[in-house]
């Protein structure tokens, strides 16, 4: 089981953790947990589509931010 989880949550080299896979799995688990909680404890429905859209937009915004961000902590004298 440990080997399978390592293969799922790492990059091709099976050593480097892939943050996007971990965040995606966490988002799915959070969505399922919130839907169970809202139905059982809150007695109302949970809109998984809205939750998924919000998480997707959050991931897209973060990816765009990281892609277009200027590197601010680069030591120019190290060349």
N, C-alpha and C. Protein backbone atom coordinates (compact mmCIF):
# COMPACT_ATOMS: atom_id res chain seq x y z
N UNK A 1 0.82 -1.19 0.00
CA UNK A 1 0.00 0.00 0.00
C UNK A 1 0.87 1.26 0.00
N UNK A 2 1.95 1.22 0.76
CA UNK A 2 2.84 2.37 0.83
C UNK A 2 3.47 2.66 -0.54
N UNK A 3 3.83 1.59 -1.27
CA UNK A 3 4.43 1.76 -2.59
C UNK A 3 3.44 2.40 -3.57
N UNK A 4 2.20 1.99 -3.50
CA UNK A 4 1.19 2.55 -4.40
C UNK A 4 0.94 4.03 -4.10
N UNK A 5 0.87 4.38 -2.82
CA UNK A 5 0.69 5.79 -2.46
C UNK A 5 1.88 6.63 -2.91
N UNK A 6 3.06 6.08 -2.78
CA UNK A 6 4.25 6.81 -3.24
C UNK A 6 4.17 7.04 -4.75
N UNK A 7 3.74 6.04 -5.50
CA UNK A 7 3.64 6.19 -6.95
C UNK A 7 2.56 7.20 -7.32
N UNK A 8 1.49 7.28 -6.53
CA UNK A 8 0.40 8.20 -6.85
C UNK A 8 0.80 9.63 -6.58
N UNK A 9 1.49 9.88 -5.47
CA UNK A 9 1.73 11.26 -5.03
C UNK A 9 3.13 11.78 -5.33
N UNK A 10 3.90 11.08 -6.14
CA UNK A 10 5.22 11.57 -6.51
C UNK A 10 5.29 11.78 -8.02
N UNK A 11 6.39 12.41 -8.41
CA UNK A 11 6.61 12.62 -9.84
C UNK A 11 7.16 11.35 -10.46
N UNK A 12 7.66 11.43 -11.66
CA UNK A 12 8.08 10.25 -12.41
C UNK A 12 9.20 9.49 -11.70
N UNK A 13 10.05 10.19 -10.96
CA UNK A 13 11.17 9.52 -10.30
C UNK A 13 10.77 8.78 -9.01
N UNK A 14 9.51 8.86 -8.61
CA UNK A 14 8.98 8.22 -7.40
C UNK A 14 9.70 8.65 -6.13
N UNK A 15 10.33 9.81 -6.15
CA UNK A 15 11.01 10.34 -4.97
C UNK A 15 10.51 11.75 -4.63
N UNK A 16 10.32 12.58 -5.64
CA UNK A 16 9.92 13.96 -5.45
C UNK A 16 8.41 14.06 -5.29
N UNK A 17 7.96 14.61 -4.16
CA UNK A 17 6.52 14.78 -3.96
C UNK A 17 5.96 15.79 -4.94
N UNK A 18 4.81 15.49 -5.47
CA UNK A 18 4.13 16.39 -6.41
C UNK A 18 3.03 17.12 -5.66
N UNK A 19 3.26 18.41 -5.41
CA UNK A 19 2.34 19.20 -4.61
C UNK A 19 0.95 19.29 -5.25
N UNK A 20 0.87 19.34 -6.57
CA UNK A 20 -0.44 19.45 -7.22
C UNK A 20 -1.29 18.20 -6.99
N UNK A 21 -0.68 17.04 -6.98
CA UNK A 21 -1.42 15.80 -6.72
C UNK A 21 -1.89 15.74 -5.28
N UNK A 22 -1.06 16.19 -4.35
CA UNK A 22 -1.44 16.20 -2.94
C UNK A 22 -2.57 17.18 -2.70
N UNK A 23 -2.49 18.38 -3.30
CA UNK A 23 -3.56 19.37 -3.13
C UNK A 23 -4.87 18.90 -3.78
N UNK A 24 -4.78 18.25 -4.92
CA UNK A 24 -5.99 17.74 -5.57
C UNK A 24 -6.66 16.67 -4.71
N UNK A 25 -5.87 15.75 -4.16
CA UNK A 25 -6.44 14.71 -3.29
C UNK A 25 -7.04 15.34 -2.03
N UNK A 26 -6.35 16.31 -1.48
CA UNK A 26 -6.88 17.01 -0.30
C UNK A 26 -8.17 17.73 -0.59
N UNK A 27 -8.29 18.32 -1.77
CA UNK A 27 -9.52 19.02 -2.15
C UNK A 27 -10.69 18.05 -2.28
N UNK A 28 -10.45 16.90 -2.88
CA UNK A 28 -11.51 15.89 -3.02
C UNK A 28 -11.95 15.39 -1.64
N UNK A 29 -10.99 15.10 -0.78
CA UNK A 29 -11.32 14.63 0.56
C UNK A 29 -12.07 15.70 1.34
N UNK A 30 -11.65 16.95 1.21
CA UNK A 30 -12.33 18.06 1.89
C UNK A 30 -13.76 18.21 1.38
N UNK A 31 -13.94 18.14 0.05
CA UNK A 31 -15.28 18.24 -0.51
C UNK A 31 -16.20 17.14 -0.04
N UNK A 32 -15.69 15.92 -0.02
CA UNK A 32 -16.50 14.80 0.47
C UNK A 32 -16.83 14.97 1.96
N UNK A 33 -15.84 15.39 2.74
CA UNK A 33 -16.08 15.61 4.17
C UNK A 33 -17.10 16.71 4.43
N UNK A 34 -16.99 17.80 3.69
CA UNK A 34 -17.96 18.89 3.85
C UNK A 34 -19.35 18.49 3.42
N UNK A 35 -19.45 17.68 2.37
CA UNK A 35 -20.78 17.26 1.93
C UNK A 35 -21.41 16.33 2.96
N UNK A 36 -20.64 15.42 3.53
CA UNK A 36 -21.17 14.54 4.58
C UNK A 36 -21.58 15.35 5.79
N UNK A 37 -20.74 16.29 6.20
CA UNK A 37 -21.03 17.11 7.37
C UNK A 37 -22.29 17.95 7.18
N UNK A 38 -22.42 18.58 6.01
CA UNK A 38 -23.58 19.45 5.79
C UNK A 38 -24.88 18.67 5.71
N UNK A 39 -24.85 17.46 5.20
CA UNK A 39 -26.06 16.65 5.12
C UNK A 39 -26.41 16.05 6.48
N UNK A 40 -25.42 15.51 7.17
CA UNK A 40 -25.69 14.83 8.44
C UNK A 40 -25.95 15.83 9.56
N UNK A 41 -25.09 16.82 9.71
CA UNK A 41 -25.20 17.75 10.83
C UNK A 41 -26.05 18.98 10.52
N UNK A 42 -25.99 19.45 9.29
CA UNK A 42 -26.70 20.67 8.95
C UNK A 42 -28.06 20.45 8.33
N UNK A 43 -28.37 19.22 7.95
CA UNK A 43 -29.65 18.88 7.32
C UNK A 43 -29.95 19.70 6.07
N UNK A 44 -28.92 20.01 5.30
CA UNK A 44 -29.14 20.68 4.02
C UNK A 44 -28.12 20.16 3.00
N UNK A 45 -28.35 20.46 1.75
CA UNK A 45 -27.50 19.91 0.69
C UNK A 45 -26.19 20.69 0.57
N UNK A 46 -25.23 20.06 -0.05
CA UNK A 46 -23.93 20.66 -0.29
C UNK A 46 -23.71 20.68 -1.79
N UNK A 47 -23.36 21.83 -2.34
CA UNK A 47 -23.18 21.96 -3.78
C UNK A 47 -21.72 21.66 -4.14
N UNK A 48 -21.46 20.44 -4.53
CA UNK A 48 -20.10 20.02 -4.86
C UNK A 48 -19.60 20.71 -6.13
N UNK A 49 -20.49 21.07 -7.05
CA UNK A 49 -20.08 21.74 -8.27
C UNK A 49 -19.52 23.12 -7.95
N UNK A 50 -20.18 23.85 -7.09
CA UNK A 50 -19.68 25.17 -6.69
C UNK A 50 -18.37 25.05 -5.93
N UNK A 51 -18.28 24.09 -5.05
CA UNK A 51 -17.04 23.86 -4.31
C UNK A 51 -15.90 23.52 -5.28
N UNK A 52 -16.16 22.61 -6.21
CA UNK A 52 -15.14 22.23 -7.19
C UNK A 52 -14.74 23.37 -8.10
N UNK A 53 -15.70 24.21 -8.49
CA UNK A 53 -15.39 25.38 -9.31
C UNK A 53 -14.51 26.36 -8.55
N UNK A 54 -14.82 26.56 -7.30
CA UNK A 54 -14.01 27.47 -6.48
C UNK A 54 -12.60 26.96 -6.29
N UNK A 55 -12.46 25.68 -6.01
CA UNK A 55 -11.12 25.09 -5.85
C UNK A 55 -10.36 25.15 -7.17
N UNK A 56 -11.04 24.88 -8.27
CA UNK A 56 -10.38 24.94 -9.58
C UNK A 56 -9.90 26.34 -9.91
N UNK A 57 -10.73 27.33 -9.62
CA UNK A 57 -10.31 28.71 -9.86
C UNK A 57 -9.17 29.12 -8.94
N UNK A 58 -9.19 28.64 -7.72
CA UNK A 58 -8.10 28.92 -6.79
C UNK A 58 -6.79 28.31 -7.30
N UNK A 59 -6.84 27.07 -7.78
CA UNK A 59 -5.65 26.45 -8.35
C UNK A 59 -5.16 27.19 -9.59
N UNK A 60 -6.09 27.58 -10.46
CA UNK A 60 -5.72 28.29 -11.68
C UNK A 60 -5.08 29.65 -11.35
N UNK A 61 -5.66 30.35 -10.40
CA UNK A 61 -5.10 31.64 -10.00
C UNK A 61 -3.72 31.49 -9.39
N UNK A 62 -3.54 30.49 -8.57
CA UNK A 62 -2.24 30.26 -7.95
C UNK A 62 -1.20 29.87 -8.99
N UNK A 63 -1.60 29.03 -9.94
CA UNK A 63 -0.67 28.63 -11.00
C UNK A 63 -0.28 29.83 -11.86
N UNK A 64 -1.24 30.69 -12.17
CA UNK A 64 -0.93 31.89 -12.95
C UNK A 64 -0.02 32.82 -12.17
N UNK A 65 -0.29 32.96 -10.88
CA UNK A 65 0.55 33.81 -10.04
C UNK A 65 1.99 33.31 -10.02
N UNK A 66 2.16 32.01 -9.84
CA UNK A 66 3.51 31.45 -9.79
C UNK A 66 4.19 31.51 -11.16
N UNK A 67 3.44 31.39 -12.23
CA UNK A 67 4.02 31.42 -13.57
C UNK A 67 4.50 32.82 -13.94
N UNK A 68 3.71 33.84 -13.61
CA UNK A 68 4.02 35.19 -14.04
C UNK A 68 4.74 36.02 -12.99
N UNK A 69 4.98 35.46 -11.83
CA UNK A 69 5.65 36.19 -10.76
C UNK A 69 7.11 36.40 -11.12
N UNK A 70 7.58 37.60 -10.92
CA UNK A 70 8.99 37.86 -11.13
C UNK A 70 9.77 37.29 -9.95
N UNK A 71 10.90 36.73 -10.25
CA UNK A 71 11.71 36.17 -9.18
C UNK A 71 12.34 37.31 -8.39
N UNK A 72 11.96 37.41 -7.13
CA UNK A 72 12.39 38.55 -6.33
C UNK A 72 13.58 38.24 -5.43
N UNK A 73 13.80 36.97 -5.14
CA UNK A 73 14.88 36.61 -4.22
C UNK A 73 16.08 36.00 -4.94
N UNK A 74 16.28 36.37 -6.16
CA UNK A 74 17.38 35.83 -6.93
C UNK A 74 18.63 36.67 -6.67
N UNK A 75 19.70 36.00 -6.34
CA UNK A 75 20.96 36.70 -6.10
C UNK A 75 21.64 36.94 -7.44
N UNK A 76 21.66 38.18 -7.89
CA UNK A 76 22.23 38.54 -9.19
C UNK A 76 23.75 38.45 -9.20
N UNK A 77 24.38 38.50 -8.03
CA UNK A 77 25.83 38.48 -7.98
C UNK A 77 26.40 37.06 -8.00
N UNK A 78 25.56 36.05 -7.94
CA UNK A 78 26.03 34.67 -7.89
C UNK A 78 26.51 34.18 -9.25
N UNK A 79 26.25 34.90 -10.32
CA UNK A 79 26.66 34.46 -11.66
C UNK A 79 28.11 34.47 -11.77
